[in-house]
Amino acid sequence: MLVLAIDTAGVDCSVGIFDTATDTLLACIQETLGKGHAERLSGMIEDAVRQAALTPSDLGMVGVTVGPGSFTGIRVGVAAARGLALALGIPAIGVTTLQVLVETAKRAGQTGPIIAAIDAKRGEVYLQSFDENGHASADAKVMPLDKAREFVASSGASLVGSGAAALSDTFVEPDHFDIEAVARLAARQPKGTSKPAPLYLRGPDAKPQMGFAIERRA
């Protein structure tokens, strides 16, 4: 099966095409944008399909990161994945960015229980515990840094993701989510999995300004 993978949940806009039959990543296009994913994503999908010498009708699944991460970026990726899947009559599968971090670590040889942690800014981290097989052992949550430090210290698990730097008060590099890991995780989901939906663990950073209402005139 050919899986189109999409990630717009962080600073990157990434698209890949993975062939499960040959265990091969056929195409990978990635740009570190920060913002502006919506303007680039459709063109990158077209480029990836062309790079893999395929047509859209060859695709069998769309996998997409659903968060936690950028509020706007997640919406862009999920909407694109669902729209493309509907047009092609194929399933769209959502995977979390925390799952992607653990999948990447496991494929790199990391063993034992893992806590995936992403810097959520505002003195918080997104985190989730996974067992030695890479399966989630608790729900994803957002925690203040002080409570997260206590949680990690008592867990005995290794730590992956930008949250590790945030918890140690060192410079935080943004997370980059491996697009092959996105595709692999999506392909392993059971048939009939529900459509992808954004995973928001807290509200958006941008909030409407208060106290500036414009007077309405008849």
Foldseek 3Di string as FASTA:
>chain_A
DWEWEFEQQEQKTKIWIADPVVRDTQFIDMDRHRDDNLVCNVVVNVVRCVSSVHDLLVHAEYFYAQDDGAPVRNVSGLVVRVVSCVVNVHAYYYDHLQLLQLLVCVVVPDFAKEKEWEDPPPQKIWIFIAGRVSHTPDDIAIDGLVVVLVVVVVPPHYYDYQVVCVNVVHDGDHDDGDRSSRRVVRVPDDPPDDRDHHDDNDDHPDDDDPPDDDDDDD
